[in-house]
N, C-alpha and C. Protein backbone atom coordinates (compact mmCIF):
# COMPACT_ATOMS: atom_id res chain seq x y z
N UNK A 1 -17.71 -49.72 67.24
CA UNK A 1 -18.00 -51.21 67.47
C UNK A 1 -18.41 -50.84 69.25
N UNK A 2 -18.23 -49.58 69.48
CA UNK A 2 -18.36 -49.55 70.92
C UNK A 2 -19.40 -49.21 71.87
N UNK A 3 -20.37 -48.87 70.82
CA UNK A 3 -21.63 -48.57 71.06
C UNK A 3 -22.66 -49.56 71.71
N UNK A 4 -23.03 -49.80 72.48
CA UNK A 4 -23.73 -50.98 73.21
C UNK A 4 -25.25 -50.91 72.29
N UNK A 5 -25.59 -49.96 71.33
CA UNK A 5 -26.86 -50.15 71.17
C UNK A 5 -26.95 -50.41 69.42
N UNK A 6 -24.84 -50.84 69.32
CA UNK A 6 -24.93 -51.15 67.84
C UNK A 6 -25.10 -52.53 67.70
N UNK A 7 -25.47 -52.73 66.51
CA UNK A 7 -26.30 -54.11 65.74
C UNK A 7 -25.06 -54.26 64.64
N UNK A 8 -24.59 -53.27 64.12
CA UNK A 8 -24.02 -54.03 62.52
C UNK A 8 -22.38 -53.30 63.24
N UNK A 9 -21.43 -53.93 62.45
CA UNK A 9 -19.80 -53.21 63.04
C UNK A 9 -19.68 -52.07 61.38
N UNK A 10 -19.44 -50.87 61.85
CA UNK A 10 -18.89 -49.98 61.00
C UNK A 10 -17.54 -50.49 59.72
N UNK A 11 -17.79 -50.46 58.91
CA UNK A 11 -16.26 -51.14 57.99
C UNK A 11 -15.32 -50.39 58.13
N UNK A 12 -15.42 -49.18 58.66
CA UNK A 12 -14.04 -48.21 58.85
C UNK A 12 -13.64 -49.02 60.06
N UNK A 13 -14.20 -49.25 60.89
CA UNK A 13 -13.56 -49.57 62.24
C UNK A 13 -12.37 -50.47 62.42
N UNK A 14 -11.66 -50.75 62.90
CA UNK A 14 -10.87 -52.07 62.47
C UNK A 14 -11.23 -53.32 63.49
N UNK A 15 -12.17 -52.71 64.45
CA UNK A 15 -12.34 -53.86 65.19
C UNK A 15 -13.37 -54.68 64.16
N UNK A 16 -14.07 -53.91 62.83
CA UNK A 16 -15.08 -54.67 62.17
C UNK A 16 -14.57 -55.59 61.35
N UNK A 17 -13.17 -55.84 60.96
CA UNK A 17 -12.32 -56.65 60.21
C UNK A 17 -11.44 -57.94 61.01
N UNK A 18 -11.76 -59.03 60.33
CA UNK A 18 -11.39 -60.04 61.31
C UNK A 18 -10.02 -61.02 60.40
N UNK A 19 -8.46 -61.24 60.91
CA UNK A 19 -8.62 -60.71 62.26
C UNK A 19 -8.00 -59.33 62.38
N UNK A 20 -7.82 -59.10 63.54
CA UNK A 20 -7.41 -57.39 63.47
C UNK A 20 -5.76 -57.06 63.59
N UNK A 21 -5.38 -56.26 62.70
CA UNK A 21 -4.36 -56.39 62.18
C UNK A 21 -3.75 -55.00 62.55
N UNK A 22 -3.75 -54.32 63.68
CA UNK A 22 -3.43 -52.94 63.55
C UNK A 22 -2.22 -52.74 64.07
N UNK A 23 -1.48 -54.30 64.65
CA UNK A 23 -0.23 -53.90 65.65
C UNK A 23 0.87 -54.16 64.54
N UNK A 24 1.64 -53.84 64.83
CA UNK A 24 3.27 -54.19 64.24
C UNK A 24 4.63 -53.04 65.28
N UNK A 25 5.86 -54.21 64.97
CA UNK A 25 6.91 -53.66 65.62
C UNK A 25 8.39 -53.73 64.92
N UNK A 26 9.03 -53.29 65.21
CA UNK A 26 10.39 -53.51 64.75
C UNK A 26 11.23 -54.29 66.08
N UNK A 27 12.33 -54.77 65.49
CA UNK A 27 12.71 -55.99 66.51
C UNK A 27 13.81 -54.84 67.87
N UNK A 28 13.61 -55.03 68.54
CA UNK A 28 14.60 -54.11 69.50
C UNK A 28 16.21 -54.81 69.61
N UNK A 29 17.07 -54.10 69.79
CA UNK A 29 18.31 -54.94 69.92
C UNK A 29 18.39 -56.00 71.18
N UNK A 30 17.75 -55.45 72.41
CA UNK A 30 17.79 -56.36 73.58
C UNK A 30 17.04 -57.47 73.84
N UNK A 31 16.26 -57.53 72.42
CA UNK A 31 15.34 -58.78 72.27
C UNK A 31 16.12 -59.78 71.46
N UNK A 32 17.37 -59.16 71.11
CA UNK A 32 18.36 -60.40 70.41
C UNK A 32 19.29 -61.03 71.05
N UNK A 33 19.71 -62.44 71.04
CA UNK A 33 20.15 -63.33 71.80
C UNK A 33 21.66 -63.39 71.25
N UNK A 34 22.65 -64.29 72.08
CA UNK A 34 23.78 -64.02 71.68
C UNK A 34 23.93 -65.25 70.22
N UNK A 35 22.70 -65.89 69.79
CA UNK A 35 22.85 -66.52 68.53
C UNK A 35 22.35 -65.50 67.22
N UNK A 36 22.02 -64.48 67.95
CA UNK A 36 21.57 -63.49 67.17
C UNK A 36 20.01 -63.53 66.02
N UNK A 37 19.54 -64.25 67.37
CA UNK A 37 17.63 -64.07 67.07
C UNK A 37 17.09 -63.62 68.22
N UNK A 38 15.89 -63.52 67.86
CA UNK A 38 15.24 -62.94 69.03
C UNK A 38 14.93 -63.99 70.13
N UNK A 39 15.36 -63.61 71.25
CA UNK A 39 14.94 -64.72 72.46
C UNK A 39 13.49 -64.94 72.56
N UNK A 40 13.46 -66.07 73.42
CA UNK A 40 12.06 -66.44 73.51
C UNK A 40 11.47 -65.44 74.29
N UNK A 41 11.73 -65.17 75.49
CA UNK A 41 10.82 -63.93 76.37
C UNK A 41 10.84 -62.52 75.51
N UNK A 42 11.46 -62.22 74.20
CA UNK A 42 10.65 -61.33 73.47
C UNK A 42 9.42 -61.74 72.43
N UNK A 43 9.35 -62.97 72.01
CA UNK A 43 8.18 -63.64 71.48
C UNK A 43 6.77 -63.09 72.22
N UNK A 44 6.94 -63.77 73.77
CA UNK A 44 6.10 -63.19 74.58
C UNK A 44 5.67 -61.93 74.61
N UNK A 45 6.94 -60.85 74.69
CA UNK A 45 6.46 -59.67 74.74
C UNK A 45 5.61 -58.77 73.79
N UNK A 46 6.48 -59.52 72.60
CA UNK A 46 5.75 -59.02 71.49
C UNK A 46 4.17 -59.76 71.06
N UNK A 47 3.78 -60.77 71.74
CA UNK A 47 2.61 -61.17 71.87
C UNK A 47 1.57 -60.88 72.54
N UNK A 48 2.17 -60.56 73.74
CA UNK A 48 1.72 -59.22 74.78
C UNK A 48 1.14 -58.01 74.41
N UNK A 49 2.31 -57.28 73.93
CA UNK A 49 2.14 -56.49 73.29
C UNK A 49 1.14 -56.29 72.33
N UNK A 50 1.14 -57.20 70.91
CA UNK A 50 -0.04 -57.04 70.13
C UNK A 50 -1.51 -57.45 70.61
N UNK A 51 -1.40 -58.03 71.90
CA UNK A 51 -2.93 -58.34 72.51
C UNK A 51 -3.20 -57.38 73.31
N UNK A 52 -2.24 -56.63 73.96
CA UNK A 52 -3.13 -55.13 74.42
C UNK A 52 -3.34 -53.99 73.50
N UNK A 53 -2.80 -53.89 72.24
CA UNK A 53 -3.16 -52.94 71.31
C UNK A 53 -4.58 -53.52 70.93
N UNK A 54 -4.88 -54.86 70.70
CA UNK A 54 -6.18 -55.41 70.51
C UNK A 54 -7.21 -54.96 71.57
N UNK A 55 -7.00 -55.65 73.15
CA UNK A 55 -7.84 -54.91 74.36
C UNK A 55 -7.80 -53.68 74.14
N UNK A 56 -6.96 -52.39 73.88
CA UNK A 56 -7.18 -51.30 74.09
C UNK A 56 -8.53 -51.15 73.17
N UNK A 57 -8.19 -51.72 71.69
CA UNK A 57 -9.94 -51.17 70.80
C UNK A 57 -10.53 -51.81 71.34
N UNK A 58 -10.67 -52.54 71.92
CA UNK A 58 -12.09 -53.25 72.58
C UNK A 58 -12.56 -52.14 73.89
N UNK A 59 -11.35 -51.61 74.24
CA UNK A 59 -11.97 -50.29 75.59
C UNK A 59 -11.37 -51.23 76.90
N UNK A 60 -10.77 -52.68 76.21
CA UNK A 60 -10.52 -52.93 77.76
C UNK A 60 -9.05 -52.92 78.42
N UNK A 61 -8.51 -51.63 78.31
CA UNK A 61 -7.01 -51.58 78.81
C UNK A 61 -7.06 -50.79 79.92
N UNK A 62 -6.23 -50.30 79.66
CA UNK A 62 -5.46 -49.05 81.11
C UNK A 62 -6.70 -47.89 81.23
N UNK A 63 -7.31 -47.24 80.43
CA UNK A 63 -8.53 -46.07 80.45
C UNK A 63 -9.31 -47.13 81.15
N UNK A 64 -9.88 -48.66 80.89
CA UNK A 64 -10.66 -49.43 81.35
C UNK A 64 -10.91 -49.33 82.72
N UNK A 65 -9.75 -49.86 83.34
CA UNK A 65 -9.39 -50.26 84.48
C UNK A 65 -9.47 -48.92 85.28
N UNK A 66 -9.07 -47.31 84.84
CA UNK A 66 -9.35 -46.58 85.49
C UNK A 66 -10.47 -46.10 85.67
N UNK A 67 -11.39 -46.18 84.92
CA UNK A 67 -12.48 -46.11 84.86
C UNK A 67 -13.63 -47.18 85.60
N UNK A 68 -13.41 -48.33 85.98
CA UNK A 68 -14.25 -49.20 85.90
C UNK A 68 -13.85 -49.79 87.49
N UNK A 69 -12.42 -49.65 87.80
CA UNK A 69 -11.93 -50.62 88.55
C UNK A 69 -11.63 -51.78 88.35
N UNK A 70 -11.63 -52.73 86.81
CA UNK A 70 -11.33 -53.65 86.62
C UNK A 70 -10.28 -53.82 85.72
N UNK A 71 -9.94 -54.80 85.84
CA UNK A 71 -8.66 -55.13 84.31
C UNK A 71 -8.63 -56.72 84.32
N UNK A 72 -8.07 -56.94 82.93
CA UNK A 72 -8.10 -58.25 82.59
C UNK A 72 -6.81 -58.76 83.21
N UNK A 73 -6.59 -59.96 83.67
CA UNK A 73 -5.80 -60.78 83.92
C UNK A 73 -4.90 -61.89 83.34
N UNK A 74 -4.26 -61.58 82.70
CA UNK A 74 -3.47 -63.22 82.01
C UNK A 74 -3.60 -64.57 82.95
N UNK A 75 -4.00 -65.22 82.52
CA UNK A 75 -4.57 -66.70 83.28
C UNK A 75 -3.69 -67.71 82.69
N UNK A 76 -3.30 -67.73 81.46
CA UNK A 76 -3.16 -68.55 80.92
C UNK A 76 -2.25 -68.34 79.31
N UNK A 77 -0.98 -68.75 78.96
CA UNK A 77 -0.82 -68.55 77.57
C UNK A 77 0.17 -69.77 76.87
N UNK A 78 -0.18 -70.05 75.93
CA UNK A 78 0.76 -70.94 75.14
C UNK A 78 1.21 -70.56 73.68
N UNK A 79 2.42 -70.44 73.53
CA UNK A 79 3.18 -69.62 72.50
C UNK A 79 3.95 -71.19 71.60
N UNK A 80 3.66 -70.92 70.64
CA UNK A 80 4.25 -71.95 68.94
C UNK A 80 5.34 -71.04 68.76
N UNK A 81 6.90 -71.65 69.06
CA UNK A 81 7.45 -70.73 68.07
C UNK A 81 7.87 -71.77 66.74
N UNK A 82 7.74 -70.42 65.70
CA UNK A 82 7.84 -71.44 64.25
C UNK A 82 8.86 -71.34 63.09
N UNK A 83 9.32 -69.85 63.39
CA UNK A 83 10.88 -69.53 63.26
C UNK A 83 11.36 -68.51 63.62
N UNK A 84 12.74 -68.32 63.29
CA UNK A 84 13.82 -67.11 64.33
C UNK A 84 13.40 -65.85 63.41
N UNK A 85 13.65 -64.87 63.96
CA UNK A 85 13.53 -63.67 63.64
C UNK A 85 14.76 -62.82 64.11
N UNK A 86 15.26 -62.19 63.34
CA UNK A 86 16.38 -61.46 63.36
C UNK A 86 16.13 -59.95 63.77
N UNK A 87 17.26 -59.29 64.07
CA UNK A 87 17.09 -57.57 64.19
C UNK A 87 16.87 -56.90 63.19
N UNK A 88 16.54 -57.62 61.77
CA UNK A 88 16.45 -56.54 60.66
C UNK A 88 15.12 -56.91 60.58
N UNK A 89 14.43 -57.91 60.81
CA UNK A 89 12.76 -58.14 60.77
C UNK A 89 11.99 -56.93 61.45
N UNK A 90 10.69 -57.40 60.55
CA UNK A 90 9.56 -56.45 61.56
C UNK A 90 8.32 -57.02 61.09
N UNK A 91 7.59 -57.09 62.55
CA UNK A 91 6.90 -57.86 62.76
C UNK A 91 5.13 -57.59 62.82
N UNK A 92 4.49 -57.79 62.68
CA UNK A 92 2.86 -57.73 62.72
C UNK A 92 1.83 -58.68 62.98
N UNK A 93 1.16 -58.81 63.62
CA UNK A 93 -0.08 -59.73 64.37
C UNK A 93 -1.62 -59.35 63.74
N UNK A 94 -1.68 -60.58 63.87
CA UNK A 94 -2.93 -60.72 63.51
C UNK A 94 -3.98 -61.69 64.48
N UNK A 95 -4.68 -60.93 65.23
CA UNK A 95 -5.44 -61.27 66.71
C UNK A 95 -6.73 -61.49 65.96
N UNK A 96 -7.18 -62.69 66.71
CA UNK A 96 -8.21 -63.50 66.72
C UNK A 96 -9.22 -63.80 67.94
N UNK A 97 -10.08 -62.91 68.06
CA UNK A 97 -11.39 -63.28 69.57
C UNK A 97 -11.67 -64.58 69.41
N UNK A 98 -11.16 -65.42 69.55
CA UNK A 98 -11.52 -67.04 69.51
C UNK A 98 -12.77 -67.15 70.18
N UNK A 99 -13.23 -66.55 71.53
CA UNK A 99 -14.21 -67.00 72.33
C UNK A 99 -14.02 -65.70 73.59
N UNK A 100 -15.33 -65.70 74.09
CA UNK A 100 -15.75 -65.05 75.56
C UNK A 100 -16.59 -65.15 75.90
N UNK A 101 -17.14 -64.63 76.99
CA UNK A 101 -18.21 -65.15 77.85
C UNK A 101 -18.36 -63.67 78.84
N UNK A 102 -19.08 -63.88 79.88
CA UNK A 102 -19.29 -62.64 80.68
C UNK A 102 -17.94 -62.46 81.41
N UNK A 103 -17.09 -63.23 81.86
CA UNK A 103 -15.73 -62.66 82.98
C UNK A 103 -14.59 -63.00 81.69
N UNK A 104 -14.45 -64.09 80.55
CA UNK A 104 -13.35 -64.38 80.27
C UNK A 104 -13.30 -64.06 78.57
N UNK A 105 -11.89 -63.91 78.49
CA UNK A 105 -11.80 -63.55 77.04
C UNK A 105 -10.37 -64.06 76.45
N UNK A 106 -10.71 -65.32 75.35
CA UNK A 106 -9.92 -65.97 74.63
C UNK A 106 -9.43 -65.21 73.50
N UNK A 107 -8.17 -65.20 73.41
CA UNK A 107 -7.53 -64.66 71.93
C UNK A 107 -6.52 -65.52 71.60
N UNK A 108 -6.12 -65.79 69.98
CA UNK A 108 -5.37 -66.57 69.11
C UNK A 108 -4.55 -65.29 68.61
N UNK A 109 -3.24 -65.12 68.33
CA UNK A 109 -2.67 -64.13 67.77
C UNK A 109 -1.27 -64.95 66.84
N UNK A 110 -0.94 -64.68 65.84
CA UNK A 110 -0.08 -64.89 64.96
C UNK A 110 0.69 -63.59 64.58
N UNK A 111 2.11 -64.17 64.76
CA UNK A 111 3.26 -63.07 64.10
C UNK A 111 3.68 -63.46 63.02
N UNK A 112 3.58 -62.12 62.03
CA UNK A 112 4.29 -62.68 60.77
C UNK A 112 5.25 -61.82 60.27
N UNK A 113 6.28 -61.99 59.76
CA UNK A 113 7.30 -61.42 59.42
C UNK A 113 7.04 -60.49 57.90
N UNK A 114 7.40 -59.62 57.64
CA UNK A 114 7.19 -58.50 56.36
C UNK A 114 6.98 -59.67 54.98
N UNK A 115 7.51 -60.53 54.83
CA UNK A 115 6.84 -61.66 53.32
C UNK A 115 5.74 -61.93 54.09
N UNK A 116 5.00 -62.03 55.27
CA UNK A 116 3.62 -62.85 55.06
C UNK A 116 4.30 -63.67 56.08
N UNK A 117 5.22 -64.65 56.45
CA UNK A 117 5.80 -65.81 56.71
C UNK A 117 5.24 -65.92 58.70
N UNK A 118 4.90 -66.83 59.24
CA UNK A 118 4.56 -67.19 60.05
C UNK A 118 5.90 -67.35 61.21
N UNK A 119 5.66 -66.30 62.25
CA UNK A 119 6.69 -66.73 63.04
C UNK A 119 6.67 -67.46 64.49
N UNK A 120 5.47 -67.11 64.89
CA UNK A 120 5.01 -67.59 66.01
C UNK A 120 3.18 -67.58 66.25
N UNK A 121 2.86 -67.77 67.28
CA UNK A 121 1.33 -67.77 67.41
C UNK A 121 1.27 -68.07 69.13
N UNK A 122 0.40 -67.65 69.63
CA UNK A 122 0.00 -67.38 70.93
C UNK A 122 -1.62 -67.43 71.20
N UNK A 123 -1.71 -68.27 72.24
CA UNK A 123 -3.15 -68.11 72.38
C UNK A 123 -3.21 -68.10 74.23
N UNK A 124 -3.97 -66.76 74.15
CA UNK A 124 -4.03 -66.63 75.55
C UNK A 124 -5.87 -66.82 76.50
N UNK A 125 -5.26 -66.47 77.47
CA UNK A 125 -7.17 -66.22 78.58
C UNK A 125 -6.48 -65.51 79.16
N UNK A 126 -7.57 -64.65 79.29
CA UNK A 126 -7.91 -63.39 80.11
C UNK A 126 -9.20 -63.73 80.95
N UNK A 127 -8.99 -63.14 82.28
CA UNK A 127 -9.90 -63.03 83.02
C UNK A 127 -10.41 -61.32 84.00
N UNK A 128 -11.65 -61.21 83.56
CA UNK A 128 -11.85 -59.46 84.32
C UNK A 128 -11.95 -59.65 85.49
N UNK A 129 -11.18 -59.17 86.56
CA UNK A 129 -11.02 -58.93 87.73
C UNK A 129 -11.25 -57.65 88.11
N UNK A 130 -12.26 -57.92 89.27
CA UNK A 130 -12.50 -56.08 90.17
C UNK A 130 -11.53 -56.28 90.78
N UNK A 131 -10.47 -55.57 90.71
CA UNK A 131 -9.79 -55.12 91.44
C UNK A 131 -10.08 -55.00 93.10
N UNK A 132 -10.78 -54.46 93.65
CA UNK A 132 -10.81 -53.83 94.99
C UNK A 132 -11.30 -55.20 95.93
N UNK A 133 -12.16 -55.77 94.79
CA UNK A 133 -12.64 -57.19 95.47
C UNK A 133 -11.90 -58.34 95.36
N UNK A 134 -10.74 -57.91 94.24
CA UNK A 134 -9.86 -59.12 93.78
C UNK A 134 -10.41 -60.45 93.62
N UNK A 135 -11.58 -60.63 92.96
CA UNK A 135 -12.20 -61.63 91.95
C UNK A 135 -12.96 -60.81 91.24
N UNK A 136 -12.83 -62.45 90.28
CA UNK A 136 -13.13 -62.29 88.54
C UNK A 136 -14.99 -61.79 88.71
N UNK A 137 -15.10 -60.98 87.49
CA UNK A 137 -16.45 -60.31 87.51
C UNK A 137 -17.00 -60.08 86.32
N UNK A 138 -18.33 -60.07 86.08
CA UNK A 138 -18.69 -60.20 84.66
C UNK A 138 -17.98 -58.54 83.81
N UNK A 139 -18.27 -58.80 82.94
CA UNK A 139 -17.77 -57.25 81.91
C UNK A 139 -19.23 -56.52 81.96
N UNK A 140 -18.53 -55.38 82.11
CA UNK A 140 -19.86 -53.97 82.19
C UNK A 140 -20.78 -54.37 81.00
N UNK A 141 -22.08 -54.12 80.85
CA UNK A 141 -22.68 -54.55 80.02
C UNK A 141 -22.14 -53.50 78.60
N UNK A 142 -21.76 -52.24 78.49
CA UNK A 142 -21.09 -52.02 77.56
C UNK A 142 -20.17 -52.52 76.84
N UNK A 143 -18.98 -53.15 77.55
CA UNK A 143 -17.89 -53.95 76.86
C UNK A 143 -18.48 -55.39 76.75
N UNK A 144 -19.70 -55.80 77.53
CA UNK A 144 -20.17 -57.29 76.66
C UNK A 144 -20.67 -56.79 75.52
N UNK A 145 -21.41 -55.52 75.27
CA UNK A 145 -21.74 -55.79 73.96
C UNK A 145 -21.01 -55.56 72.57
N UNK A 146 -19.76 -54.70 73.13
CA UNK A 146 -18.47 -54.38 71.93
C UNK A 146 -17.69 -56.24 71.90
N UNK A 147 -17.69 -56.75 72.87
CA UNK A 147 -17.16 -58.19 72.69
C UNK A 147 -18.48 -59.48 72.06
N UNK A 148 -19.38 -59.10 71.99
CA UNK A 148 -20.56 -59.83 71.20
C UNK A 148 -20.20 -59.50 70.21
N UNK A 149 -20.32 -57.89 69.44
CA UNK A 149 -19.92 -57.54 67.98
C UNK A 149 -18.79 -57.75 67.37
N UNK A 150 -17.68 -57.47 68.00
CA UNK A 150 -16.53 -58.54 67.35
C UNK A 150 -16.80 -59.49 67.26
N UNK A 151 -17.27 -60.52 68.54
CA UNK A 151 -17.21 -61.91 68.07
C UNK A 151 -17.63 -62.31 66.83
N UNK A 152 -19.06 -61.71 66.93
CA UNK A 152 -19.70 -62.18 65.30
C UNK A 152 -18.66 -61.58 64.32
N UNK A 153 -17.88 -60.72 64.10
CA UNK A 153 -16.99 -60.63 62.78
C UNK A 153 -16.02 -61.55 63.21
N UNK A 154 -15.18 -61.97 64.03
CA UNK A 154 -14.52 -63.08 64.36
C UNK A 154 -14.80 -64.77 63.86
N UNK A 155 -15.98 -64.72 64.04
CA UNK A 155 -16.69 -65.96 64.09
C UNK A 155 -16.64 -66.70 62.67
N UNK A 156 -16.34 -66.01 61.77
CA UNK A 156 -16.15 -66.59 60.28
C UNK A 156 -14.91 -66.98 59.97
N UNK A 157 -14.16 -66.29 60.83
CA UNK A 157 -12.63 -66.92 60.36
C UNK A 157 -12.60 -68.20 60.81
N UNK A 158 -11.63 -69.20 59.77
CA UNK A 158 -11.62 -70.36 60.01
C UNK A 158 -10.48 -70.25 61.25
N UNK A 159 -10.69 -71.43 62.29
CA UNK A 159 -9.95 -71.67 63.92
C UNK A 159 -8.65 -72.22 63.29
N UNK A 160 -7.22 -72.01 63.35
CA UNK A 160 -6.21 -72.77 63.40
C UNK A 160 -6.10 -74.12 64.00
N UNK A 161 -5.59 -74.98 63.41
CA UNK A 161 -5.69 -76.53 63.93
C UNK A 161 -4.92 -76.71 65.11
N UNK A 162 -4.10 -75.84 65.65
CA UNK A 162 -3.40 -76.06 66.67
C UNK A 162 -4.27 -75.40 67.93
N UNK A 163 -5.35 -74.86 67.76
CA UNK A 163 -6.28 -74.08 68.97
C UNK A 163 -6.49 -75.20 70.20
N UNK A 164 -6.28 -74.67 70.88
CA UNK A 164 -6.67 -75.42 72.13
C UNK A 164 -5.38 -76.43 72.68
N UNK A 165 -4.36 -76.92 72.05
CA UNK A 165 -3.40 -77.53 71.98
C UNK A 165 -2.55 -77.36 73.14
N UNK A 166 -1.88 -77.85 73.89
CA UNK A 166 -1.15 -77.58 74.95
C UNK A 166 0.00 -77.97 74.38
N UNK A 167 1.22 -77.86 75.55
CA UNK A 167 2.47 -78.26 74.75
C UNK A 167 2.61 -79.65 74.59
N UNK A 168 3.17 -80.60 73.28
CA UNK A 168 3.44 -81.69 72.91
C UNK A 168 1.89 -82.56 73.32
N UNK A 169 0.54 -81.87 73.00
CA UNK A 169 -0.57 -81.98 72.69
C UNK A 169 -0.65 -83.08 72.18
N UNK A 170 -1.20 -83.98 71.40
CA UNK A 170 -1.45 -84.90 70.49
C UNK A 170 -2.48 -84.22 69.71
N UNK A 171 -1.79 -84.42 68.08
CA UNK A 171 -2.94 -84.14 67.04
C UNK A 171 -3.81 -84.80 67.32
N UNK A 172 -5.00 -83.90 66.64
CA UNK A 172 -6.51 -84.02 66.42
C UNK A 172 -6.75 -84.74 65.03
């Protein structure tokens, strides 16, 4: 799905399925707090790592920065803590490309435990920043084409009801 001329996703490509589910992790000892559960900063770290896995698959990670001089900057994240996580848990992520435009990417990631239970969700907004100029700039054509293809795949997935809600936002 990284070819600019592609019009149909390759079913063997992990980006051709929605949500993106390639990220998995065990729970590190230093993520556990004095209550015996994963601390809030660790949830943020796992969500960040899951999103970085997806961004790398999109061609928007460290190699992208090295070759284009651009990088994605996180400008907003909203985390919902749904269940406690212990040292023995293993987590996987389900990441959805909610939307994108010429300069932005918005993701929603759900962390689930081995039983499939949701433990947290995170919604993040990223801007494409041209490092040398220090300003937001459009994605290169090839990256924009990949984002458009992946967006087609992810469009059919039902959006979570809490999408776009902030802290203590009223329910719709």
